[in-house]
Amino acid sequence: MCLQQYIAAAGLCSRREAERWIAQGRVTLNGRKAELGMSVGSPADEVCLDGRPVRLLEEYTYIMLHKPRGYVTTLRDEKGRPTVADLVKDAGCRLFPVGRLDWDSEGLLILTNDGPTANRLAHPSHGVEKTYHVWVTGRDLEAGAERLRHPLHWEGVSYHPAGVEVLSRTEGGGKLAVTISQGKNRQVRNMCSAVGLSVRRLVRVRQGKLRLGHLPPGEWRYLTSEEIDYLHKI
């Protein structure tokens, strides 16, 4: 396991923050000043932060949050905006979000202190599908939905075909279920823009076998043992 991943898996900070600590010279590996690129290869390796041993957590916590609009998917925000950490303060431990949802997006967000499992769930190479309910406006809903089912190119970025189901139709728009596994920044919004549809609301309802269900906005729950087993098998 790479060193910064090990520190994050111990529940001390995010992987990015761990990289900063290593660069600042605060971390040692087996008594020597650590450098980025080092790895923890065996249980006998000793990692220290500011001279204190860093141990992996023996027990991990996994929760599902229904992220509402108006929160950023980070633990601290330089602009002082509300963060998802504010919503899970009573979870009993420091947790990190797996992946991201934009400020104006809603829905299923997993938080955990299990770094390796979080990395597997979020990494595009594992192809974990994500389904979004998307309320859109546009002149031709059916034509837009059909174009989303084919490769797209928008503002210099290529997108793979999406799975699309038209859930409802309204005058001037409707509601779509859009499934992707690529996971690029603002992917669903950008894909909709590419086909002439404007997103009014976006809610993630599924990530792999994990489903949002009827969890209310702003509320969270612990994952079930079956859901945790699924995460470990990704």
C-alpha atoms as a PDB file:
ATOM      1  CA  MET A   1       0.000   0.000   0.000  1.00  0.00           C
ATOM      2  CA  CYS A   2       1.413   3.420  -0.897  1.00  0.00           C
ATOM      3  CA  LEU A   3       2.374   5.470   2.141  1.00  0.00           C
ATOM      4  CA  GLN A   4      -0.186   8.253   1.747  1.00  0.00           C
ATOM      5  CA  GLN A   5      -2.929   5.661   1.281  1.00  0.00           C
ATOM      6  CA  TYR A   6      -1.808   3.900   4.467  1.00  0.00           C
ATOM      7  CA  ILE A   7      -2.032   7.136   6.486  1.00  0.00           C
ATOM      8  CA  ALA A   8      -5.485   7.891   5.058  1.00  0.00           C
ATOM      9  CA  ALA A   9      -6.629   4.328   5.803  1.00  0.00           C
ATOM     10  CA  ALA A  10      -5.646   4.910   9.433  1.00  0.00           C
ATOM     11  CA  GLY A  11      -8.401   7.531   9.558  1.00  0.00           C
ATOM     12  CA  LEU A  12      -6.123  10.502  10.209  1.00  0.00           C
ATOM     13  CA  CYS A  13      -6.774  12.552   7.096  1.00  0.00           C
ATOM     14  CA  SER A  14      -7.502  12.439   3.391  1.00  0.00           C
ATOM     15  CA  ARG A  15      -4.975  10.973   0.966  1.00  0.00           C
ATOM     16  CA  ARG A  16      -4.206  14.449  -0.369  1.00  0.00           C
ATOM     17  CA  GLU A  17      -3.532  15.771   3.133  1.00  0.00           C
ATOM     18  CA  ALA A  18      -1.278  12.786   3.801  1.00  0.00           C
ATOM     19  CA  GLU A  19       0.749  13.702   0.721  1.00  0.00           C
ATOM     20  CA  ARG A  20       1.220  17.200   2.159  1.00  0.00           C
ATOM     21  CA  TRP A  21       2.361  15.792   5.502  1.00  0.00           C
ATOM     22  CA  ILE A  22       4.932  13.587   3.748  1.00  0.00           C
ATOM     23  CA  ALA A  23       6.215  16.537   1.685  1.00  0.00           C
ATOM     24  CA  GLN A  24       6.500  18.597   4.897  1.00  0.00           C
ATOM     25  CA  GLY A  25       8.769  15.959   6.442  1.00  0.00           C
ATOM     26  CA  ARG A  26       6.333  15.035   9.209  1.00  0.00           C
ATOM     27  CA  VAL A  27       6.234  11.317   8.312  1.00  0.00           C
ATOM     28  CA  THR A  28       8.873   8.632   8.844  1.00  0.00           C
ATOM     29  CA  LEU A  29       8.984   5.042   7.575  1.00  0.00           C
ATOM     30  CA  ASN A  30      11.073   2.623   9.637  1.00  0.00           C
ATOM     31  CA  GLY A  31      12.852   5.516  11.301  1.00  0.00           C
ATOM     32  CA  ARG A  32      13.805   7.360   8.107  1.00  0.00           C
ATOM     33  CA  LYS A  33      12.242  10.498   6.677  1.00  0.00           C
ATOM     34  CA  ALA A  34       9.569   9.396   4.239  1.00  0.00           C
ATOM     35  CA  GLU A  35       9.205  10.525   0.639  1.00  0.00           C
ATOM     36  CA  LEU A  36       6.319  10.433  -1.805  1.00  0.00           C
ATOM     37  CA  GLY A  37       6.363   7.159  -3.708  1.00  0.00           C
ATOM     38  CA  MET A  38       7.296   4.997  -0.722  1.00  0.00           C
ATOM     39  CA  SER A  39       5.126   2.011   0.180  1.00  0.00           C
ATOM     40  CA  VAL A  40       4.223   0.086   3.321  1.00  0.00           C
ATOM     41  CA  GLY A  41       5.023  -3.497   2.401  1.00  0.00           C
ATOM     42  CA  SER A  42       4.571  -5.556   5.565  1.00  0.00           C
ATOM     43  CA  PRO A  43       3.025  -5.418   9.053  1.00  0.00           C
ATOM     44  CA  ALA A  44       6.559  -4.979  10.430  1.00  0.00           C
ATOM     45  CA  ASP A  45       6.942  -1.568   8.713  1.00  0.00           C
ATOM     46  CA  GLU A  46       6.632   1.295  11.192  1.00  0.00           C
ATOM     47  CA  VAL A  47       5.014   4.532  10.052  1.00  0.00           C
ATOM     48  CA  CYS A  48       5.148   7.572  12.333  1.00  0.00           C
ATOM     49  CA  LEU A  49       3.573  11.016  12.105  1.00  0.00           C
ATOM     50  CA  ASP A  50       5.360  13.671  14.159  1.00  0.00           C
ATOM     51  CA  GLY A  51       7.094  10.818  15.983  1.00  0.00           C
ATOM     52  CA  ARG A  52       3.902   8.972  16.899  1.00  0.00           C
ATOM     53  CA  PRO A  53       3.106   5.533  15.406  1.00  0.00           C
ATOM     54  CA  VAL A  54       0.338   5.352  12.810  1.00  0.00           C
ATOM     55  CA  ARG A  55      -1.822   2.222  13.036  1.00  0.00           C
ATOM     56  CA  LEU A  56      -4.469   0.992  10.653  1.00  0.00           C
ATOM     57  CA  LEU A  57      -7.953   0.925  12.103  1.00  0.00           C
ATOM     58  CA  GLU A  58      -9.075  -2.494  13.291  1.00  0.00           C
ATOM     59  CA  GLU A  59     -12.684  -1.620  12.645  1.00  0.00           C
ATOM     60  CA  TYR A  60     -14.053   0.526   9.837  1.00  0.00           C
ATOM     61  CA  THR A  61     -17.230   2.536   9.552  1.00  0.00           C
ATOM     62  CA  TYR A  62     -19.332   2.777   6.394  1.00  0.00           C
ATOM     63  CA  ILE A  63     -22.315   5.076   6.014  1.00  0.00           C
ATOM     64  CA  MET A  64     -24.614   6.250   3.244  1.00  0.00           C
ATOM     65  CA  LEU A  65     -25.622   9.916   3.190  1.00  0.00           C
ATOM     66  CA  HIS A  66     -28.396  11.494   1.155  1.00  0.00           C
ATOM     67  CA  LYS A  67     -26.516  14.629   0.210  1.00  0.00           C
ATOM     68  CA  PRO A  68     -28.831  17.614  -0.281  1.00  0.00           C
ATOM     69  CA  ARG A  69     -28.157  20.626  -2.471  1.00  0.00           C
ATOM     70  CA  GLY A  70     -25.986  23.357  -1.024  1.00  0.00           C
ATOM     71  CA  TYR A  71     -23.217  21.201   0.447  1.00  0.00           C
ATOM     72  CA  VAL A  72     -19.731  20.570  -0.919  1.00  0.00           C
ATOM     73  CA  THR A  73     -18.285  17.048  -0.925  1.00  0.00           C
ATOM     74  CA  THR A  74     -15.235  17.751   1.192  1.00  0.00           C
ATOM     75  CA  LEU A  75     -14.335  17.908   4.880  1.00  0.00           C
ATOM     76  CA  ARG A  76     -13.190  21.536   4.859  1.00  0.00           C
ATOM     77  CA  ASP A  77     -14.000  24.359   2.459  1.00  0.00           C
ATOM     78  CA  GLU A  78     -11.805  27.422   2.031  1.00  0.00           C
ATOM     79  CA  LYS A  79     -14.861  29.511   1.126  1.00  0.00           C
ATOM     80  CA  GLY A  80     -16.678  28.578   4.320  1.00  0.00           C
ATOM     81  CA  ARG A  81     -19.504  26.748   2.563  1.00  0.00           C
ATOM     82  CA  PRO A  82     -21.392  23.929   4.313  1.00  0.00           C
ATOM     83  CA  THR A  83     -19.722  20.535   3.839  1.00  0.00           C
ATOM     84  CA  VAL A  84     -20.942  16.953   4.026  1.00  0.00           C
ATOM     85  CA  ALA A  85     -18.839  16.622   7.188  1.00  0.00           C
ATOM     86  CA  ASP A  86     -21.366  18.921   8.874  1.00  0.00           C
ATOM     87  CA  LEU A  87     -24.090  16.357   8.164  1.00  0.00           C
ATOM     88  CA  VAL A  88     -22.274  13.322   9.616  1.00  0.00           C
ATOM     89  CA  LYS A  89     -20.719  14.861  12.743  1.00  0.00           C
ATOM     90  CA  ASP A  90     -22.593  12.402  14.955  1.00  0.00           C
ATOM     91  CA  ALA A  91     -21.260   9.294  13.160  1.00  0.00           C
ATOM     92  CA  GLY A  92     -18.684   8.828  15.938  1.00  0.00           C
ATOM     93  CA  CYS A  93     -15.491   8.969  13.870  1.00  0.00           C
ATOM     94  CA  ARG A  94     -13.735  10.875  11.102  1.00  0.00           C
ATOM     95  CA  LEU A  95     -15.089   9.789   7.707  1.00  0.00           C
ATOM     96  CA  PHE A  96     -14.150  10.689   4.148  1.00  0.00           C
ATOM     97  CA  PRO A  97     -16.454  10.930   1.128  1.00  0.00           C
ATOM     98  CA  VAL A  98     -16.027   8.383  -1.663  1.00  0.00           C
ATOM     99  CA  GLY A  99     -16.096  10.330  -4.918  1.00  0.00           C
ATOM    100  CA  ARG A 100     -17.943  13.599  -5.352  1.00  0.00           C
ATOM    101  CA  LEU A 101     -21.301  15.211  -5.899  1.00  0.00           C
ATOM    102  CA  ASP A 102     -21.398  18.816  -7.058  1.00  0.00           C
ATOM    103  CA  TRP A 103     -22.679  21.641  -4.844  1.00  0.00           C
ATOM    104  CA  ASP A 104     -26.008  21.629  -6.706  1.00  0.00           C
ATOM    105  CA  SER A 105     -26.298  17.829  -7.018  1.00  0.00           C
ATOM    106  CA  GLU A 106     -28.030  15.494  -4.593  1.00  0.00           C
ATOM    107  CA  GLY A 107     -28.270  11.882  -3.602  1.00  0.00           C
ATOM    108  CA  LEU A 108     -26.276   8.831  -2.574  1.00  0.00           C
ATOM    109  CA  LEU A 109     -22.829   9.483  -1.121  1.00  0.00           C
ATOM    110  CA  ILE A 110     -20.750   6.863   0.698  1.00  0.00           C
ATOM    111  CA  LEU A 111     -18.451   7.966   3.527  1.00  0.00           C
ATOM    112  CA  THR A 112     -15.949   5.699   5.264  1.00  0.00           C
ATOM    113  CA  ASN A 113     -12.562   5.547   6.981  1.00  0.00           C
ATOM    114  CA  ASP A 114     -11.595   2.444   4.971  1.00  0.00           C
ATOM    115  CA  GLY A 115      -9.189   3.939   2.455  1.00  0.00           C
ATOM    116  CA  PRO A 116      -8.473   0.894   0.249  1.00  0.00           C
ATOM    117  CA  THR A 117     -12.151   0.035  -0.150  1.00  0.00           C
ATOM    118  CA  ALA A 118     -12.992   3.673  -0.887  1.00  0.00           C
ATOM    119  CA  ASN A 119     -10.336   3.787  -3.598  1.00  0.00           C
ATOM    120  CA  ARG A 120     -11.700   0.649  -5.268  1.00  0.00           C
ATOM    121  CA  LEU A 121     -15.252   1.957  -5.239  1.00  0.00           C
ATOM    122  CA  ALA A 122     -14.295   5.328  -6.688  1.00  0.00           C
ATOM    123  CA  HIS A 123     -11.653   4.319  -9.224  1.00  0.00           C
ATOM    124  CA  PRO A 124     -12.954   4.235 -12.842  1.00  0.00           C
ATOM    125  CA  SER A 125     -10.953   1.075 -13.598  1.00  0.00           C
ATOM    126  CA  HIS A 126     -13.434  -0.967 -11.534  1.00  0.00           C
ATOM    127  CA  GLY A 127     -16.336   0.222 -13.677  1.00  0.00           C
ATOM    128  CA  VAL A 128     -18.812   0.675 -10.821  1.00  0.00           C
ATOM    129  CA  GLU A 129     -22.046   1.921 -12.392  1.00  0.00           C
ATOM    130  CA  LYS A 130     -23.811   4.988 -11.030  1.00  0.00           C
ATOM    131  CA  THR A 131     -27.437   5.848 -11.814  1.00  0.00           C
ATOM    132  CA  TYR A 132     -28.843   9.366 -11.626  1.00  0.00           C
ATOM    133  CA  HIS A 133     -32.385  10.671 -11.848  1.00  0.00           C
ATOM    134  CA  VAL A 134     -32.142  13.796 -13.966  1.00  0.00           C
ATOM    135  CA  TRP A 135     -34.855  16.408 -14.493  1.00  0.00           C
ATOM    136  CA  VAL A 136     -34.200  18.199 -17.776  1.00  0.00           C
ATOM    137  CA  THR A 137     -35.678  20.773 -20.130  1.00  0.00           C
ATOM    138  CA  GLY A 138     -35.194  20.721 -23.870  1.00  0.00           C
ATOM    139  CA  ARG A 139     -36.999  20.801 -27.163  1.00  0.00           C
ATOM    140  CA  ASP A 140     -36.778  17.081 -27.933  1.00  0.00           C
ATOM    141  CA  LEU A 141     -36.473  14.790 -24.933  1.00  0.00           C
ATOM    142  CA  GLU A 142     -36.568  11.558 -26.940  1.00  0.00           C
ATOM    143  CA  ALA A 143     -33.896  12.659 -29.413  1.00  0.00           C
ATOM    144  CA  GLY A 144     -31.668  13.864 -26.570  1.00  0.00           C
ATOM    145  CA  ALA A 145     -32.091  10.595 -24.690  1.00  0.00           C
ATOM    146  CA  GLU A 146     -31.171   8.626 -27.805  1.00  0.00           C
ATOM    147  CA  ARG A 147     -28.012  10.671 -28.370  1.00  0.00           C
ATOM    148  CA  LEU A 148     -26.939  10.035 -24.786  1.00  0.00           C
ATOM    149  CA  ARG A 149     -26.869   6.325 -25.629  1.00  0.00           C
ATOM    150  CA  HIS A 150     -23.987   6.950 -28.064  1.00  0.00           C
ATOM    151  CA  PRO A 151     -20.409   8.271 -27.638  1.00  0.00           C
ATOM    152  CA  LEU A 152     -20.268  12.049 -27.143  1.00  0.00           C
ATOM    153  CA  HIS A 153     -17.607  14.733 -27.350  1.00  0.00           C
ATOM    154  CA  TRP A 154     -18.137  18.002 -25.466  1.00  0.00           C
ATOM    155  CA  GLU A 155     -15.682  20.845 -24.860  1.00  0.00           C
ATOM    156  CA  GLY A 156     -12.679  18.649 -25.573  1.00  0.00           C
ATOM    157  CA  VAL A 157     -13.795  15.683 -23.456  1.00  0.00           C
ATOM    158  CA  SER A 158     -15.001  12.308 -24.764  1.00  0.00           C
ATOM    159  CA  TYR A 159     -17.793  10.455 -22.990  1.00  0.00           C
ATOM    160  CA  HIS A 160     -18.812   6.809 -23.261  1.00  0.00           C
ATOM    161  CA  PRO A 161     -22.423   5.883 -24.078  1.00  0.00           C
ATOM    162  CA  ALA A 162     -24.828   6.046 -21.133  1.00  0.00           C
ATOM    163  CA  GLY A 163     -27.718   3.802 -20.248  1.00  0.00           C
ATOM    164  CA  VAL A 164     -30.810   6.003 -20.495  1.00  0.00           C
ATOM    165  CA  GLU A 165     -34.458   5.451 -19.593  1.00  0.00           C
ATOM    166  CA  VAL A 166     -37.172   8.083 -20.017  1.00  0.00           C
ATOM    167  CA  LEU A 167     -39.069   8.000 -16.715  1.00  0.00           C
ATOM    168  CA  SER A 168     -41.574  10.774 -17.413  1.00  0.00           C
ATOM    169  CA  ARG A 169     -42.371  13.479 -19.927  1.00  0.00           C
ATOM    170  CA  THR A 170     -43.557  17.023 -19.375  1.00  0.00           C
ATOM    171  CA  GLU A 171     -44.159  19.942 -21.664  1.00  0.00           C
ATOM    172  CA  GLY A 172     -40.678  21.089 -22.586  1.00  0.00           C
ATOM    173  CA  GLY A 173     -38.752  18.366 -20.794  1.00  0.00           C
ATOM    174  CA  GLY A 174     -38.985  15.337 -18.550  1.00  0.00           C
ATOM    175  CA  LYS A 175     -37.171  13.022 -16.165  1.00  0.00           C
ATOM    176  CA  LEU A 176     -34.426  10.575 -17.175  1.00  0.00           C
ATOM    177  CA  ALA A 177     -32.587   7.742 -15.464  1.00  0.00           C
ATOM    178  CA  VAL A 178     -28.979   7.992 -16.657  1.00  0.00           C
ATOM    179  CA  THR A 179     -26.425   5.261 -15.855  1.00  0.00           C
ATOM    180  CA  ILE A 180     -22.673   5.780 -16.332  1.00  0.00           C
ATOM    181  CA  SER A 181     -19.481   4.066 -15.177  1.00  0.00           C
ATOM    182  CA  GLN A 182     -16.870   6.468 -16.547  1.00  0.00           C
ATOM    183  CA  GLY A 183     -17.032   9.011 -13.707  1.00  0.00           C
ATOM    184  CA  LYS A 184     -15.647  12.201 -15.244  1.00  0.00           C
ATOM    185  CA  ASN A 185     -16.149  15.632 -13.680  1.00  0.00           C
ATOM    186  CA  ARG A 186     -19.755  16.850 -14.047  1.00  0.00           C
ATOM    187  CA  GLN A 187     -20.232  14.080 -16.570  1.00  0.00           C
ATOM    188  CA  VAL A 188     -24.021  13.799 -16.631  1.00  0.00           C
ATOM    189  CA  ARG A 189     -24.504  17.560 -16.774  1.00  0.00           C
ATOM    190  CA  ASN A 190     -21.976  17.923 -19.581  1.00  0.00           C
ATOM    191  CA  MET A 191     -23.442  15.033 -21.558  1.00  0.00           C
ATOM    192  CA  CYS A 192     -26.898  16.567 -21.300  1.00  0.00           C
ATOM    193  CA  SER A 193     -25.541  19.920 -22.479  1.00  0.00           C
ATOM    194  CA  ALA A 194     -23.961  18.156 -25.463  1.00  0.00           C
ATOM    195  CA  VAL A 195     -27.371  16.877 -26.619  1.00  0.00           C
ATOM    196  CA  GLY A 196     -29.300  20.086 -26.021  1.00  0.00           C
ATOM    197  CA  LEU A 197     -30.817  19.256 -22.641  1.00  0.00           C
ATOM    198  CA  SER A 198     -30.563  21.548 -19.610  1.00  0.00           C
ATOM    199  CA  VAL A 199     -30.365  19.895 -16.181  1.00  0.00           C
ATOM    200  CA  ARG A 200     -32.709  21.351 -13.554  1.00  0.00           C
ATOM    201  CA  ARG A 201     -32.094  18.729 -10.877  1.00  0.00           C
ATOM    202  CA  LEU A 202     -29.771  15.748 -10.502  1.00  0.00           C
ATOM    203  CA  VAL A 203     -30.003  13.015  -7.856  1.00  0.00           C
ATOM    204  CA  ARG A 204     -27.707   9.972  -7.614  1.00  0.00           C
ATOM    205  CA  VAL A 205     -29.876   7.007  -6.680  1.00  0.00           C
ATOM    206  CA  ARG A 206     -27.512   4.055  -7.169  1.00  0.00           C
ATOM    207  CA  GLN A 207     -23.803   3.238  -6.949  1.00  0.00           C
ATOM    208  CA  GLY A 208     -23.105  -0.353  -7.901  1.00  0.00           C
ATOM    209  CA  LYS A 209     -25.421  -2.480  -5.759  1.00  0.00           C
ATOM    210  CA  LEU A 210     -25.943   0.314  -3.228  1.00  0.00           C
ATOM    211  CA  ARG A 211     -29.276   2.118  -3.548  1.00  0.00           C
ATOM    212  CA  LEU A 212     -30.477   5.367  -1.989  1.00  0.00           C
ATOM    213  CA  GLY A 213     -33.991   4.075  -1.452  1.00  0.00           C
ATOM    214  CA  HIS A 214     -36.163   6.257   0.776  1.00  0.00           C
ATOM    215  CA  LEU A 215     -33.358   7.830   2.823  1.00  0.00           C
ATOM    216  CA  PRO A 216     -34.435  11.490   3.354  1.00  0.00           C
ATOM    217  CA  PRO A 217     -32.225  14.381   2.192  1.00  0.00           C
ATOM    218  CA  GLY A 218     -29.648  15.329   4.830  1.00  0.00           C
ATOM    219  CA  GLU A 219     -29.996  12.011   6.662  1.00  0.00           C
ATOM    220  CA  TRP A 220     -27.524   9.114   6.836  1.00  0.00           C
ATOM    221  CA  ARG A 221     -27.494   5.449   7.816  1.00  0.00           C
ATOM    222  CA  TYR A 222     -24.910   2.734   8.435  1.00  0.00           C
ATOM    223  CA  LEU A 223     -24.426   0.250   5.612  1.00  0.00           C
ATOM    224  CA  THR A 224     -25.756  -3.246   6.190  1.00  0.00           C
ATOM    225  CA  SER A 225     -23.405  -6.231   6.481  1.00  0.00           C
ATOM    226  CA  GLU A 226     -24.506  -7.347   3.005  1.00  0.00           C
ATOM    227  CA  GLU A 227     -23.646  -3.936   1.564  1.00  0.00           C
ATOM    228  CA  ILE A 228     -20.238  -3.948   3.262  1.00  0.00           C
ATOM    229  CA  ASP A 229     -19.522  -7.433   1.921  1.00  0.00           C
ATOM    230  CA  TYR A 230     -20.317  -6.149  -1.559  1.00  0.00           C
ATOM    231  CA  LEU A 231     -17.839  -3.247  -1.162  1.00  0.00           C
ATOM    232  CA  HIS A 232     -15.092  -5.653  -0.113  1.00  0.00           C
ATOM    233  CA  LYS A 233     -15.618  -7.735  -3.251  1.00  0.00           C
ATOM    234  CA  ILE A 234     -15.277  -4.870  -5.729  1.00  0.00           C
END
